[in-house]
PDB file of N, CA and C in Angstrom:
ATOM      1  N   MET A   1     -16.925  -1.526  -2.884  1.00  0.00           N
ATOM      2  CA  MET A   1     -15.924  -0.278  -2.771  1.00  0.00           C
ATOM      3  C   MET A   1     -14.205  -1.461  -3.341  1.00  0.00           C
ATOM      4  N   THR A   2     -13.620  -0.053  -4.349  1.00  0.00           N
ATOM      5  CA  THR A   2     -12.304  -0.727  -4.954  1.00  0.00           C
ATOM      6  C   THR A   2     -11.571  -0.202  -4.854  1.00  0.00           C
ATOM      7  N   ILE A   3      -9.904  -0.197  -4.199  1.00  0.00           N
ATOM      8  CA  ILE A   3      -9.254   0.559  -4.338  1.00  0.00           C
ATOM      9  C   ILE A   3      -8.372  -0.436  -5.299  1.00  0.00           C
ATOM     10  N   LYS A   4      -7.767   0.959  -5.641  1.00  0.00           N
ATOM     11  CA  LYS A   4      -6.768   0.321  -7.157  1.00  0.00           C
ATOM     12  C   LYS A   4      -5.403   1.061  -7.059  1.00  0.00           C
ATOM     13  N   LEU A   5      -4.503  -0.052  -7.016  1.00  0.00           N
ATOM     14  CA  LEU A   5      -2.768   0.215  -6.296  1.00  0.00           C
ATOM     15  C   LEU A   5      -1.937  -0.188  -7.923  1.00  0.00           C
ATOM     16  N   THR A   6      -1.280   0.038  -8.097  1.00  0.00           N
ATOM     17  CA  THR A   6      -0.013   0.102  -9.033  1.00  0.00           C
ATOM     18  C   THR A   6      -0.005  -1.529  -8.664  1.00  0.00           C
ATOM     19  N   ARG A   7       1.466  -2.603  -9.289  1.00  0.00           N
ATOM     20  CA  ARG A   7       1.416  -3.801  -9.180  1.00  0.00           C
ATOM     21  C   ARG A   7       2.776  -3.173  -7.367  1.00  0.00           C
ATOM     22  N   ASP A   8       3.378  -2.279  -7.828  1.00  0.00           N
ATOM     23  CA  ASP A   8       4.286  -1.960  -7.168  1.00  0.00           C
ATOM     24  C   ASP A   8       3.919  -1.352  -5.536  1.00  0.00           C
ATOM     25  N   GLN A   9       3.182  -0.180  -5.606  1.00  0.00           N
ATOM     26  CA  GLN A   9       2.296  -0.293  -4.980  1.00  0.00           C
ATOM     27  C   GLN A   9       1.431  -1.225  -3.649  1.00  0.00           C
ATOM     28  N   ALA A  10       1.302  -1.968  -4.432  1.00  0.00           N
ATOM     29  CA  ALA A  10       0.569  -3.264  -3.831  1.00  0.00           C
ATOM     30  C   ALA A  10       1.312  -4.175  -3.271  1.00  0.00           C
ATOM     31  N   PHE A  11       2.560  -4.391  -3.839  1.00  0.00           N
ATOM     32  CA  PHE A  11       3.711  -5.184  -3.355  1.00  0.00           C
ATOM     33  C   PHE A  11       4.602  -4.565  -1.962  1.00  0.00           C
ATOM     34  N   VAL A  12       4.532  -3.318  -2.579  1.00  0.00           N
ATOM     35  CA  VAL A  12       4.957  -2.861  -0.375  1.00  0.00           C
ATOM     36  C   VAL A  12       4.584  -2.519   0.599  1.00  0.00           C
ATOM     37  N   LEU A  13       3.199  -2.340  -0.028  1.00  0.00           N
ATOM     38  CA  LEU A  13       2.134  -2.098   0.911  1.00  0.00           C
ATOM     39  C   LEU A  13       2.418  -3.748   1.829  1.00  0.00           C
ATOM     40  N   SER A  14       1.887  -4.709   1.145  1.00  0.00           N
ATOM     41  CA  SER A  14       1.766  -6.124   1.268  1.00  0.00           C
ATOM     42  C   SER A  14       3.150  -6.275   2.376  1.00  0.00           C
ATOM     43  N   ASP A  15       4.291  -5.988   1.875  1.00  0.00           N
ATOM     44  CA  ASP A  15       5.379  -6.234   2.670  1.00  0.00           C
ATOM     45  C   ASP A  15       5.622  -5.504   4.094  1.00  0.00           C
ATOM     46  N   TRP A  16       4.500  -3.817   4.222  1.00  0.00           N
ATOM     47  CA  TRP A  16       4.770  -3.251   5.423  1.00  0.00           C
ATOM     48  C   TRP A  16       3.287  -4.191   5.714  1.00  0.00           C
ATOM     49  N   LEU A  17       2.465  -4.741   5.517  1.00  0.00           N
ATOM     50  CA  LEU A  17       1.915  -5.071   6.444  1.00  0.00           C
ATOM     51  C   LEU A  17       2.433  -6.658   6.802  1.00  0.00           C
ATOM     52  N   TYR A  18       2.860  -7.098   6.549  1.00  0.00           N
ATOM     53  CA  TYR A  18       3.093  -8.421   6.532  1.00  0.00           C
ATOM     54  C   TYR A  18       4.036  -8.065   7.913  1.00  0.00           C
ATOM     55  N   HIS A  19       5.159  -7.189   8.003  1.00  0.00           N
ATOM     56  CA  HIS A  19       6.173  -6.938   8.704  1.00  0.00           C
ATOM     57  C   HIS A  19       5.210  -6.155  10.326  1.00  0.00           C
ATOM     58  N   VAL A  20       3.721  -5.550  10.288  1.00  0.00           N
ATOM     59  CA  VAL A  20       3.618  -4.592  10.968  1.00  0.00           C
ATOM     60  C   VAL A  20       2.648  -5.844  11.930  1.00  0.00           C
ATOM     61  N   MET A  21       2.365  -7.160  10.869  1.00  0.00           N
ATOM     62  CA  MET A  21       0.986  -8.135  11.431  1.00  0.00           C
ATOM     63  C   MET A  21       2.133  -9.051  12.197  1.00  0.00           C
ATOM     64  N   PHE A  22       2.770  -9.150  11.505  1.00  0.00           N
ATOM     65  CA  PHE A  22       3.579 -10.990  11.948  1.00  0.00           C
ATOM     66  C   PHE A  22       4.891 -11.149  12.511  1.00  0.00           C
ATOM     67  N   GLN A  23       5.022  -9.509  12.194  1.00  0.00           N
ATOM     68  CA  GLN A  23       7.038  -9.582  12.475  1.00  0.00           C
ATOM     69  C   GLN A  23       7.079  -9.130  13.724  1.00  0.00           C
ATOM     70  N   SER A  24       6.215  -7.664  13.837  1.00  0.00           N
ATOM     71  CA  SER A  24       6.351  -6.719  14.830  1.00  0.00           C
ATOM     72  C   SER A  24       5.993  -7.630  16.268  1.00  0.00           C
ATOM     73  N   ASP A  25       5.102  -8.078  16.036  1.00  0.00           N
ATOM     74  CA  ASP A  25       4.166  -8.467  17.496  1.00  0.00           C
ATOM     75  C   ASP A  25       3.754  -7.303  18.234  1.00  0.00           C
ATOM     76  N   ASP A  26       3.512  -5.627  17.305  1.00  0.00           N
ATOM     77  CA  ASP A  26       2.990  -5.032  17.816  1.00  0.00           C
ATOM     78  C   ASP A  26       1.425  -3.894  16.808  1.00  0.00           C
ATOM     79  N   LEU A  27       1.145  -4.895  15.980  1.00  0.00           N
ATOM     80  CA  LEU A  27      -0.142  -4.467  15.479  1.00  0.00           C
ATOM     81  C   LEU A  27      -1.052  -3.884  16.802  1.00  0.00           C
ATOM     82  N   GLU A  28      -1.414  -4.397  17.729  1.00  0.00           N
ATOM     83  CA  GLU A  28      -2.222  -3.586  18.890  1.00  0.00           C
ATOM     84  C   GLU A  28      -1.398  -1.961  19.205  1.00  0.00           C
ATOM     85  N   GLY A  29      -0.244  -2.000  19.426  1.00  0.00           N
ATOM     86  CA  GLY A  29       0.248  -0.812  19.333  1.00  0.00           C
ATOM     87  C   GLY A  29       0.908   0.436  18.689  1.00  0.00           C
ATOM     88  N   ILE A  30       0.470  -0.388  16.770  1.00  0.00           N
ATOM     89  CA  ILE A  30       0.190   0.713  15.744  1.00  0.00           C
ATOM     90  C   ILE A  30      -0.600   0.894  16.056  1.00  0.00           C
ATOM     91  N   VAL A  31      -1.925   0.180  15.443  1.00  0.00           N
ATOM     92  CA  VAL A  31      -3.159   0.298  15.233  1.00  0.00           C
ATOM     93  C   VAL A  31      -4.056  -0.484  17.077  1.00  0.00           C
ATOM     94  N   PRO A  32      -4.308   0.782  18.021  1.00  0.00           N
ATOM     95  CA  PRO A  32      -4.705   0.512  18.690  1.00  0.00           C
ATOM     96  C   PRO A  32      -6.593   0.251  18.436  1.00  0.00           C
ATOM     97  N   ASN A  33      -6.857   0.296  17.696  1.00  0.00           N
ATOM     98  CA  ASN A  33      -8.286   0.336  17.714  1.00  0.00           C
ATOM     99  C   ASN A  33      -8.411  -1.157  16.966  1.00  0.00           C
ATOM    100  N   ARG A  34      -9.179  -2.105  17.596  1.00  0.00           N
ATOM    101  CA  ARG A  34      -9.284  -3.475  16.859  1.00  0.00           C
ATOM    102  C   ARG A  34     -10.313  -3.803  15.738  1.00  0.00           C
ATOM    103  N   ALA A  35     -11.231  -2.799  15.850  1.00  0.00           N
ATOM    104  CA  ALA A  35     -11.879  -2.212  14.565  1.00  0.00           C
ATOM    105  C   ALA A  35     -11.683  -2.389  13.539  1.00  0.00           C
ATOM    106  N   VAL A  36      -9.870  -1.659  13.311  1.00  0.00           N
ATOM    107  CA  VAL A  36      -9.390  -1.435  12.392  1.00  0.00           C
ATOM    108  C   VAL A  36      -8.632  -2.486  11.563  1.00  0.00           C
ATOM    109  N   TRP A  37      -8.652  -3.390  12.877  1.00  0.00           N
ATOM    110  CA  TRP A  37      -8.124  -4.767  12.193  1.00  0.00           C
ATOM    111  C   TRP A  37      -8.744  -5.583  10.974  1.00  0.00           C
ATOM    112  N   SER A  38     -10.053  -5.647  11.445  1.00  0.00           N
ATOM    113  CA  SER A  38     -10.619  -6.432   9.974  1.00  0.00           C
ATOM    114  C   SER A  38     -10.867  -5.920   9.084  1.00  0.00           C
ATOM    115  N   PRO A  39     -10.785  -4.720   8.384  1.00  0.00           N
ATOM    116  CA  PRO A  39      -9.900  -4.219   7.329  1.00  0.00           C
ATOM    117  C   PRO A  39      -8.643  -4.503   7.192  1.00  0.00           C
ATOM    118  N   ILE A  40      -7.390  -4.312   7.702  1.00  0.00           N
ATOM    119  CA  ILE A  40      -6.288  -4.680   7.600  1.00  0.00           C
ATOM    120  C   ILE A  40      -6.077  -6.083   7.088  1.00  0.00           C
ATOM    121  N   TYR A  41      -6.814  -6.990   7.887  1.00  0.00           N
ATOM    122  CA  TYR A  41      -6.618  -8.259   7.633  1.00  0.00           C
ATOM    123  C   TYR A  41      -7.052  -8.938   6.477  1.00  0.00           C
ATOM    124  N   ALA A  42      -8.585  -7.853   5.588  1.00  0.00           N
ATOM    125  CA  ALA A  42      -8.808  -8.400   4.484  1.00  0.00           C
ATOM    126  C   ALA A  42      -8.028  -7.865   3.453  1.00  0.00           C
ATOM    127  N   ILE A  43      -7.441  -6.360   3.736  1.00  0.00           N
ATOM    128  CA  ILE A  43      -6.703  -5.733   2.588  1.00  0.00           C
ATOM    129  C   ILE A  43      -4.927  -6.873   2.298  1.00  0.00           C
ATOM    130  N   SER A  44      -4.968  -7.453   3.771  1.00  0.00           N
ATOM    131  CA  SER A  44      -3.204  -8.199   3.174  1.00  0.00           C
ATOM    132  C   SER A  44      -3.659  -9.173   2.966  1.00  0.00           C
ATOM    133  N   GLY A  45      -5.093  -9.976   2.964  1.00  0.00           N
ATOM    134  CA  GLY A  45      -5.147 -11.143   2.535  1.00  0.00           C
ATOM    135  C   GLY A  45      -5.575 -11.154   1.127  1.00  0.00           C
ATOM    136  N   THR A  46      -6.108 -10.146   0.705  1.00  0.00           N
ATOM    137  CA  THR A  46      -6.372  -9.638  -0.503  1.00  0.00           C
ATOM    138  C   THR A  46      -4.814  -9.922  -1.174  1.00  0.00           C
ATOM    139  N   LEU A  47      -4.332  -8.966  -1.044  1.00  0.00           N
ATOM    140  CA  LEU A  47      -2.661  -8.884  -1.515  1.00  0.00           C
ATOM    141  C   LEU A  47      -2.158  -9.845  -1.625  1.00  0.00           C
ATOM    142  N   ASP A  48      -2.099 -10.821  -0.261  1.00  0.00           N
ATOM    143  CA  ASP A  48      -1.296 -11.721  -0.728  1.00  0.00           C
ATOM    144  C   ASP A  48      -2.129 -12.864  -1.570  1.00  0.00           C
ATOM    145  N   LYS A  49      -2.848 -13.137  -1.951  1.00  0.00           N
ATOM    146  CA  LYS A  49      -3.698 -13.798  -3.185  1.00  0.00           C
ATOM    147  C   LYS A  49      -3.174 -13.470  -4.663  1.00  0.00           C
ATOM    148  N   THR A  50      -3.185 -11.841  -4.553  1.00  0.00           N
ATOM    149  CA  THR A  50      -2.717 -11.427  -5.884  1.00  0.00           C
ATOM    150  C   THR A  50      -1.318 -11.491  -6.434  1.00  0.00           C
ATOM    151  N   LEU A  51      -0.524 -11.189  -5.497  1.00  0.00           N
ATOM    152  CA  LEU A  51       0.721 -10.723  -5.735  1.00  0.00           C
ATOM    153  C   LEU A  51       1.792 -12.192  -5.791  1.00  0.00           C
ATOM    154  N   SER A  52       2.091 -12.252  -6.854  1.00  0.00           N
ATOM    155  CA  SER A  52       2.991 -13.513  -7.300  1.00  0.00           C
ATOM    156  C   SER A  52       4.561 -13.352  -6.503  1.00  0.00           C
ATOM    157  N   GLU A  53       4.925 -12.270  -6.353  1.00  0.00           N
ATOM    158  CA  GLU A  53       6.277 -11.720  -6.107  1.00  0.00           C
ATOM    159  C   GLU A  53       6.244 -11.789  -4.828  1.00  0.00           C
ATOM    160  N   ILE A  54       5.153 -12.126  -4.185  1.00  0.00           N
ATOM    161  CA  ILE A  54       5.888 -12.691  -2.415  1.00  0.00           C
ATOM    162  C   ILE A  54       6.186 -13.938  -2.395  1.00  0.00           C
ATOM    163  N   PHE A  55       6.369 -14.915  -3.378  1.00  0.00           N
ATOM    164  CA  PHE A  55       6.735 -16.224  -3.028  1.00  0.00           C
ATOM    165  C   PHE A  55       7.643 -16.403  -4.028  1.00  0.00           C
ATOM    166  N   MET A  56       7.952 -15.399  -4.843  1.00  0.00           N
ATOM    167  CA  MET A  56       9.689 -15.421  -5.490  1.00  0.00           C
ATOM    168  C   MET A  56      10.993 -15.484  -4.431  1.00  0.00           C
ATOM    169  N   PRO A  57      11.845 -16.107  -4.843  1.00  0.00           N
ATOM    170  CA  PRO A  57      13.222 -17.084  -4.566  1.00  0.00           C
ATOM    171  C   PRO A  57      13.460 -15.261  -4.769  1.00  0.00           C
ATOM    172  N   ASP A  58      13.619 -14.514  -5.246  1.00  0.00           N
ATOM    173  CA  ASP A  58      14.376 -12.898  -5.184  1.00  0.00           C
ATOM    174  C   ASP A  58      13.767 -11.628  -4.974  1.00  0.00           C
ATOM    175  N   ASP A  59      12.438 -12.360  -4.333  1.00  0.00           N
ATOM    176  CA  ASP A  59      11.092 -11.138  -3.774  1.00  0.00           C
ATOM    177  C   ASP A  59      11.968  -9.686  -3.172  1.00  0.00           C
ATOM    178  N   GLY A  60      12.988 -10.139  -2.541  1.00  0.00           N
ATOM    179  CA  GLY A  60      13.971  -8.860  -1.731  1.00  0.00           C
ATOM    180  C   GLY A  60      14.604  -7.888  -2.330  1.00  0.00           C
ATOM    181  N   PRO A  61      15.211  -8.648  -3.129  1.00  0.00           N
ATOM    182  CA  PRO A  61      15.590  -7.637  -4.589  1.00  0.00           C
ATOM    183  C   PRO A  61      14.618  -6.701  -5.466  1.00  0.00           C
ATOM    184  N   ARG A  62      13.094  -7.495  -5.496  1.00  0.00           N
ATOM    185  CA  ARG A  62      12.002  -7.481  -6.124  1.00  0.00           C
ATOM    186  C   ARG A  62      11.474  -6.391  -5.375  1.00  0.00           C
ATOM    187  N   LEU A  63      11.511  -6.277  -4.426  1.00  0.00           N
ATOM    188  CA  LEU A  63      10.493  -5.416  -3.017  1.00  0.00           C
ATOM    189  C   LEU A  63      12.109  -3.988  -3.295  1.00  0.00           C
ATOM    190  N   GLU A  64      12.513  -3.670  -3.250  1.00  0.00           N
ATOM    191  CA  GLU A  64      13.495  -2.600  -3.386  1.00  0.00           C
ATOM    192  C   GLU A  64      13.418  -2.449  -4.155  1.00  0.00           C
ATOM    193  N   ALA A  65      13.653  -2.919  -5.389  1.00  0.00           N
ATOM    194  CA  ALA A  65      13.231  -1.843  -6.769  1.00  0.00           C
ATOM    195  C   ALA A  65      11.943  -1.547  -6.667  1.00  0.00           C
ATOM    196  N   ALA A  66      10.980  -2.015  -6.446  1.00  0.00           N
ATOM    197  CA  ALA A  66      10.191  -1.469  -6.310  1.00  0.00           C
ATOM    198  C   ALA A  66       9.392  -0.707  -5.713  1.00  0.00           C
ATOM    199  N   LYS A  67      10.346  -0.607  -4.267  1.00  0.00           N
ATOM    200  CA  LYS A  67      10.309   0.612  -3.229  1.00  0.00           C
ATOM    201  C   LYS A  67      10.948   2.148  -4.158  1.00  0.00           C
ATOM    202  N   GLU A  68      11.918   1.886  -4.756  1.00  0.00           N
ATOM    203  CA  GLU A  68      12.582   2.983  -5.603  1.00  0.00           C
ATOM    204  C   GLU A  68      11.908   3.260  -7.032  1.00  0.00           C
ATOM    205  N   ARG A  69      11.683   2.003  -7.570  1.00  0.00           N
ATOM    206  CA  ARG A  69      10.210   3.181  -8.389  1.00  0.00           C
ATOM    207  C   ARG A  69       9.047   4.256  -7.907  1.00  0.00           C
ATOM    208  N   LEU A  70       8.655   3.541  -6.604  1.00  0.00           N
ATOM    209  CA  LEU A  70       7.892   4.377  -5.749  1.00  0.00           C
ATOM    210  C   LEU A  70       7.842   6.081  -5.654  1.00  0.00           C
ATOM    211  N   ARG A  71       9.821   5.670  -4.608  1.00  0.00           N
ATOM    212  CA  ARG A  71      10.302   6.999  -4.634  1.00  0.00           C
ATOM    213  C   ARG A  71      10.306   7.778  -5.645  1.00  0.00           C
ATOM    214  N   VAL A  72      11.267   7.312  -6.543  1.00  0.00           N
ATOM    215  CA  VAL A  72      10.965   8.222  -7.712  1.00  0.00           C
ATOM    216  C   VAL A  72      10.151   8.837  -8.125  1.00  0.00           C
ATOM    217  N   LYS A  73       9.387   8.475  -8.415  1.00  0.00           N
ATOM    218  CA  LYS A  73       8.339   8.397  -8.916  1.00  0.00           C
ATOM    219  C   LYS A  73       6.848   9.194  -7.803  1.00  0.00           C
ATOM    220  N   SER A  74       7.106   8.987  -7.013  1.00  0.00           N
ATOM    221  CA  SER A  74       6.507  10.159  -5.759  1.00  0.00           C
ATOM    222  C   SER A  74       7.279  11.506  -5.536  1.00  0.00           C
ATOM    223  N   TYR A  75       8.573  11.365  -4.821  1.00  0.00           N
ATOM    224  CA  TYR A  75       9.368  12.211  -4.829  1.00  0.00           C
ATOM    225  C   TYR A  75      10.600  12.638  -5.524  1.00  0.00           C
ATOM    226  N   GLY A  76      10.774  12.201  -7.201  1.00  0.00           N
ATOM    227  CA  GLY A  76      11.574  12.828  -7.710  1.00  0.00           C
ATOM    228  C   GLY A  76      12.795  12.228  -7.678  1.00  0.00           C
ATOM    229  N   GLY A  77      12.811  11.795  -6.699  1.00  0.00           N
ATOM    230  CA  GLY A  77      14.482  10.683  -6.087  1.00  0.00           C
ATOM    231  C   GLY A  77      14.617  10.546  -5.025  1.00  0.00           C
ATOM    232  N   ALA A  78      15.535   9.083  -4.782  1.00  0.00           N
ATOM    233  CA  ALA A  78      15.326   8.879  -3.061  1.00  0.00           C
ATOM    234  C   ALA A  78      15.453   9.733  -2.225  1.00  0.00           C
ATOM    235  N   ASP A  79      16.531  10.314  -2.908  1.00  0.00           N
ATOM    236  CA  ASP A  79      17.582  12.093  -1.927  1.00  0.00           C
ATOM    237  C   ASP A  79      15.651  13.172  -0.962  1.00  0.00           C
ATOM    238  N   ASP A  80      14.545  12.519  -1.747  1.00  0.00           N
ATOM    239  CA  ASP A  80      14.318  13.887  -1.469  1.00  0.00           C
ATOM    240  C   ASP A  80      12.595  13.432  -1.279  1.00  0.00           C
ATOM    241  N   THR A  81      12.568  12.723  -0.012  1.00  0.00           N
ATOM    242  CA  THR A  81      11.623  11.771   0.493  1.00  0.00           C
ATOM    243  C   THR A  81      11.308  12.833   2.251  1.00  0.00           C
ATOM    244  N   ARG A  82      11.625  13.726   2.025  1.00  0.00           N
ATOM    245  CA  ARG A  82      11.370  14.564   3.265  1.00  0.00           C
ATOM    246  C   ARG A  82       9.782  14.646   3.605  1.00  0.00           C
ATOM    247  N   PRO A  83       9.492  14.657   4.912  1.00  0.00           N
ATOM    248  CA  PRO A  83       8.044  14.796   5.580  1.00  0.00           C
ATOM    249  C   PRO A  83       7.718  16.385   5.100  1.00  0.00           C
ATOM    250  N   GLY A  84       6.068  16.089   4.755  1.00  0.00           N
ATOM    251  CA  GLY A  84       5.327  17.351   4.075  1.00  0.00           C
ATOM    252  C   GLY A  84       5.718  17.647   2.504  1.00  0.00           C
ATOM    253  N   ASN A  85       6.564  17.035   1.418  1.00  0.00           N
ATOM    254  CA  ASN A  85       6.750  17.207   0.773  1.00  0.00           C
ATOM    255  C   ASN A  85       5.441  17.024  -0.340  1.00  0.00           C
ATOM    256  N   ASP A  86       5.103  17.843  -0.740  1.00  0.00           N
ATOM    257  CA  ASP A  86       3.539  17.481  -1.641  1.00  0.00           C
ATOM    258  C   ASP A  86       3.565  16.888  -2.854  1.00  0.00           C
ATOM    259  N   ALA A  87       3.355  15.602  -2.960  1.00  0.00           N
ATOM    260  CA  ALA A  87       4.349  14.720  -4.195  1.00  0.00           C
ATOM    261  C   ALA A  87       2.976  13.912  -5.203  1.00  0.00           C
ATOM    262  N   PRO A  88       3.410  13.982  -6.167  1.00  0.00           N
ATOM    263  CA  PRO A  88       2.258  13.198  -6.909  1.00  0.00           C
ATOM    264  C   PRO A  88       1.700  11.704  -5.824  1.00  0.00           C
ATOM    265  N   GLN A  89       0.613  11.576  -6.336  1.00  0.00           N
ATOM    266  CA  GLN A  89       0.021  10.543  -5.826  1.00  0.00           C
ATOM    267  C   GLN A  89      -0.403   9.494  -6.378  1.00  0.00           C
ATOM    268  N   ALA A  90      -0.773   8.396  -6.777  1.00  0.00           N
ATOM    269  CA  ALA A  90      -0.808   7.601  -8.044  1.00  0.00           C
ATOM    270  C   ALA A  90      -2.211   6.911  -7.238  1.00  0.00           C
ATOM    271  N   HIS A  91      -3.438   6.931  -6.753  1.00  0.00           N
ATOM    272  CA  HIS A  91      -4.484   5.714  -6.210  1.00  0.00           C
ATOM    273  C   HIS A  91      -5.744   6.498  -6.548  1.00  0.00           C
ATOM    274  N   GLN A  92      -5.985   5.315  -6.737  1.00  0.00           N
ATOM    275  CA  GLN A  92      -8.557   5.434  -7.269  1.00  0.00           C
ATOM    276  C   GLN A  92      -9.053   5.352  -6.443  1.00  0.00           C
ATOM    277  N   ILE A  93      -9.638   5.749  -5.851  1.00  0.00           N
ATOM    278  CA  ILE A  93     -11.081   5.113  -4.946  1.00  0.00           C
ATOM    279  C   ILE A  93     -12.451   4.981  -5.722  1.00  0.00           C
ATOM    280  N   GLU A  94     -12.775   3.693  -5.554  1.00  0.00           N
ATOM    281  CA  GLU A  94     -14.650   4.002  -6.157  1.00  0.00           C
ATOM    282  C   GLU A  94     -15.261   3.678  -4.781  1.00  0.00           C
ATOM    283  N   ARG A  95     -16.235   4.696  -4.413  1.00  0.00           N
ATOM    284  CA  ARG A  95     -17.229   4.318  -3.948  1.00  0.00           C
ATOM    285  C   ARG A  95     -18.748   4.344  -4.650  1.00  0.00           C
ATOM    286  N   GLY A  96     -19.582   3.674  -3.203  1.00  0.00           N
ATOM    287  CA  GLY A  96     -20.288   3.199  -3.757  1.00  0.00           C
ATOM    288  C   GLY A  96     -21.798   4.451  -3.159  1.00  0.00           C
ATOM    289  N   THR A  97     -21.244   5.648  -3.161  1.00  0.00           N
ATOM    290  CA  THR A  97     -22.404   6.504  -2.444  1.00  0.00           C
ATOM    291  C   THR A  97     -22.437   8.148  -3.497  1.00  0.00           C
ATOM    292  N   ALA A  98     -23.916   8.448  -2.977  1.00  0.00           N
ATOM    293  CA  ALA A  98     -24.513   8.972  -3.543  1.00  0.00           C
ATOM    294  C   ALA A  98     -23.903  10.284  -4.124  1.00  0.00           C
ATOM    295  N   GLY A  99     -24.250  10.847  -5.200  1.00  0.00           N
ATOM    296  CA  GLY A  99     -23.822  12.122  -5.572  1.00  0.00           C
ATOM    297  C   GLY A  99     -22.537  11.457  -6.275  1.00  0.00           C
ATOM    298  N   ASN A 100     -21.838  10.981  -6.062  1.00  0.00           N
ATOM    299  CA  ASN A 100     -20.198  10.812  -6.589  1.00  0.00           C
ATOM    300  C   ASN A 100     -20.637   9.915  -8.344  1.00  0.00           C
ATOM    301  N   HIS A 101     -21.753   9.279  -8.508  1.00  0.00           N
ATOM    302  CA  HIS A 101     -21.884   8.181  -9.014  1.00  0.00           C
ATOM    303  C   HIS A 101     -20.828   6.546  -9.404  1.00  0.00           C
ATOM    304  N   GLY A 102     -20.263   6.729  -8.022  1.00  0.00           N
ATOM    305  CA  GLY A 102     -19.479   4.783  -7.347  1.00  0.00           C
ATOM    306  C   GLY A 102     -17.800   5.406  -7.847  1.00  0.00           C
ATOM    307  N   GLU A 103     -17.880   6.855  -8.148  1.00  0.00           N
ATOM    308  CA  GLU A 103     -16.746   6.746  -8.492  1.00  0.00           C
ATOM    309  C   GLU A 103     -15.717   7.997  -7.643  1.00  0.00           C
ATOM    310  N   SER A 104     -14.963   7.759  -6.832  1.00  0.00           N
ATOM    311  CA  SER A 104     -14.339   9.006  -6.924  1.00  0.00           C
ATOM    312  C   SER A 104     -13.129   9.056  -6.823  1.00  0.00           C
ATOM    313  N   ASN A 105     -12.178  10.235  -7.952  1.00  0.00           N
ATOM    314  CA  ASN A 105     -10.597   9.708  -8.562  1.00  0.00           C
ATOM    315  C   ASN A 105     -10.236  10.339  -7.267  1.00  0.00           C
ATOM    316  N   HIS A 106      -8.930  10.254  -7.115  1.00  0.00           N
ATOM    317  CA  HIS A 106      -7.642  10.996  -5.638  1.00  0.00           C
ATOM    318  C   HIS A 106      -6.331  10.915  -6.680  1.00  0.00           C
ATOM    319  N   GLY A 107      -5.521  11.834  -6.857  1.00  0.00           N
ATOM    320  CA  GLY A 107      -4.727  12.115  -7.052  1.00  0.00           C
ATOM    321  C   GLY A 107      -4.489  12.857  -7.889  1.00  0.00           C
ATOM    322  N   ARG A 108      -2.881  13.370  -8.776  1.00  0.00           N
ATOM    323  CA  ARG A 108      -2.934  14.500  -9.589  1.00  0.00           C
ATOM    324  C   ARG A 108      -2.043  13.882 -10.628  1.00  0.00           C
TER     325      ARG A 108
END
């Protein structure tokens, strides 16, 4: 299975996973089903190996800039992030399942 993310999406997701998994000490409270932990750790490890940004001294400002770009791209502006807003999403998932020839593109 392949999950494709933009660099900004990967950076923001990596930061969120880090906080949930290692700083909050509440992974079980957020994700009570321990079977889900295995893929979470796999995704987090892959992101950590791929993203050089997380090790840069100016990672904080870079992260905030990535978050802002994603907000603007997804919601049209920083102030338009209300729940339920049908914003365009940029993601693609490929699956090796019959009937879709190994690819399923989701997005608008």
